[in-house]
Amino acid sequence: MTQASLVRTAPVLDGRVLDDLAWQDVPALVEFWQTAPDAGQPSSERTEVRIVYTESAIYFGVVLLDRDPPA
């Protein structure tokens, strides 16, 4: 279980989660399980999800890693 973190300044919506100060001190959710092809098994690739909110919005920062990305 996790809790969203309140931030004073909203993250910049540019796809660069790891470089944005809004996400810097937010713990990442990293325990995910597959639904296919091996239902119930730990995810085969690392996934990180961070959640922050401001007074007017909630934001999800997602990093999807791939050990063997296409060239």
C-alpha atoms as a PDB file:
ATOM      1  CA  MET A   1       0.000   0.000   0.000  1.00  0.00           C
ATOM      2  CA  THR A   2       1.162   3.547  -0.653  1.00  0.00           C
ATOM      3  CA  GLN A   3       0.137   7.073  -0.030  1.00  0.00           C
ATOM      4  CA  ALA A   4       0.238   9.986  -2.460  1.00  0.00           C
ATOM      5  CA  SER A   5       2.617  12.779  -1.487  1.00  0.00           C
ATOM      6  CA  LEU A   6       1.552  16.425  -1.394  1.00  0.00           C
ATOM      7  CA  VAL A   7       3.841  18.686  -3.447  1.00  0.00           C
ATOM      8  CA  ARG A   8       3.910  22.475  -3.622  1.00  0.00           C
ATOM      9  CA  THR A   9       4.842  22.552  -7.289  1.00  0.00           C
ATOM     10  CA  ALA A  10       3.247  20.191  -9.791  1.00  0.00           C
ATOM     11  CA  PRO A  11       5.547  18.009 -11.873  1.00  0.00           C
ATOM     12  CA  VAL A  12       6.288  19.112 -15.420  1.00  0.00           C
ATOM     13  CA  LEU A  13       4.375  16.877 -17.841  1.00  0.00           C
ATOM     14  CA  ASP A  14       7.231  16.148 -20.211  1.00  0.00           C
ATOM     15  CA  GLY A  15       7.797  12.409 -19.701  1.00  0.00           C
ATOM     16  CA  ARG A  16      10.980  12.925 -17.663  1.00  0.00           C
ATOM     17  CA  VAL A  17       9.966  11.544 -14.257  1.00  0.00           C
ATOM     18  CA  LEU A  18      13.495  10.882 -13.005  1.00  0.00           C
ATOM     19  CA  ASP A  19      14.702  14.438 -13.690  1.00  0.00           C
ATOM     20  CA  ASP A  20      11.782  16.296 -12.073  1.00  0.00           C
ATOM     21  CA  LEU A  21      12.205  17.606  -8.524  1.00  0.00           C
ATOM     22  CA  ALA A  22       8.497  16.971  -7.795  1.00  0.00           C
ATOM     23  CA  TRP A  23       9.211  13.222  -7.803  1.00  0.00           C
ATOM     24  CA  GLN A  24      12.594  13.332  -6.050  1.00  0.00           C
ATOM     25  CA  ASP A  25      11.600  12.341  -2.498  1.00  0.00           C
ATOM     26  CA  VAL A  26       8.560  10.243  -3.396  1.00  0.00           C
ATOM     27  CA  PRO A  27       8.911   6.510  -2.738  1.00  0.00           C
ATOM     28  CA  ALA A  28       8.281   4.319  -5.760  1.00  0.00           C
ATOM     29  CA  LEU A  29       5.857   1.426  -5.893  1.00  0.00           C
ATOM     30  CA  VAL A  30       7.847  -1.451  -7.368  1.00  0.00           C
ATOM     31  CA  GLU A  31       6.040  -4.692  -6.507  1.00  0.00           C
ATOM     32  CA  PHE A  32       3.909  -5.660  -9.488  1.00  0.00           C
ATOM     33  CA  TRP A  33       2.655  -8.984 -10.812  1.00  0.00           C
ATOM     34  CA  GLN A  34       2.037 -10.192 -14.345  1.00  0.00           C
ATOM     35  CA  THR A  35      -1.325 -11.070 -15.795  1.00  0.00           C
ATOM     36  CA  ALA A  36       0.174 -12.451 -19.018  1.00  0.00           C
ATOM     37  CA  PRO A  37       1.971 -14.535 -19.998  1.00  0.00           C
ATOM     38  CA  ASP A  38       2.598 -15.886 -16.482  1.00  0.00           C
ATOM     39  CA  ALA A  39      -0.354 -14.763 -14.355  1.00  0.00           C
ATOM     40  CA  GLY A  40       0.522 -14.159 -10.730  1.00  0.00           C
ATOM     41  CA  GLN A  41       4.295 -14.148 -11.249  1.00  0.00           C
ATOM     42  CA  PRO A  42       6.423 -11.112 -10.373  1.00  0.00           C
ATOM     43  CA  SER A  43       6.734  -8.683 -13.269  1.00  0.00           C
ATOM     44  CA  SER A  44       9.484  -9.623 -15.675  1.00  0.00           C
ATOM     45  CA  GLU A  45      10.643  -6.013 -16.071  1.00  0.00           C
ATOM     46  CA  ARG A  46      11.100  -3.378 -13.364  1.00  0.00           C
ATOM     47  CA  THR A  47       8.250  -0.886 -13.097  1.00  0.00           C
ATOM     48  CA  GLU A  48       8.232   2.172 -10.829  1.00  0.00           C
ATOM     49  CA  VAL A  49       5.119   4.218 -10.019  1.00  0.00           C
ATOM     50  CA  ARG A  50       5.119   7.402  -7.953  1.00  0.00           C
ATOM     51  CA  ILE A  51       2.031   9.389  -6.933  1.00  0.00           C
ATOM     52  CA  VAL A  52       1.896  13.067  -5.981  1.00  0.00           C
ATOM     53  CA  TYR A  53      -0.869  15.616  -5.692  1.00  0.00           C
ATOM     54  CA  THR A  54      -1.390  19.364  -5.485  1.00  0.00           C
ATOM     55  CA  GLU A  55      -4.446  21.224  -4.270  1.00  0.00           C
ATOM     56  CA  SER A  56      -6.029  20.807  -7.696  1.00  0.00           C
ATOM     57  CA  ALA A  57      -4.722  17.586  -9.288  1.00  0.00           C
ATOM     58  CA  ILE A  58      -3.203  14.144  -8.784  1.00  0.00           C
ATOM     59  CA  TYR A  59      -0.209  12.972 -10.838  1.00  0.00           C
ATOM     60  CA  PHE A  60       1.213   9.530 -11.561  1.00  0.00           C
ATOM     61  CA  GLY A  61       4.869   9.218 -12.544  1.00  0.00           C
ATOM     62  CA  VAL A  62       5.567   5.885 -14.211  1.00  0.00           C
ATOM     63  CA  VAL A  63       8.937   4.483 -15.257  1.00  0.00           C
ATOM     64  CA  LEU A  64       8.845   1.289 -17.339  1.00  0.00           C
ATOM     65  CA  LEU A  65      12.246  -0.325 -17.717  1.00  0.00           C
ATOM     66  CA  ASP A  66      13.201  -2.811 -20.425  1.00  0.00           C
ATOM     67  CA  ARG A  67      16.281  -5.033 -20.207  1.00  0.00           C
ATOM     68  CA  ASP A  68      16.313  -5.555 -23.976  1.00  0.00           C
ATOM     69  CA  PRO A  69      14.835  -2.510 -25.740  1.00  0.00           C
ATOM     70  CA  PRO A  70      14.631  -2.509 -29.526  1.00  0.00           C
ATOM     71  CA  ALA A  71      17.617  -0.881 -31.199  1.00  0.00           C
END
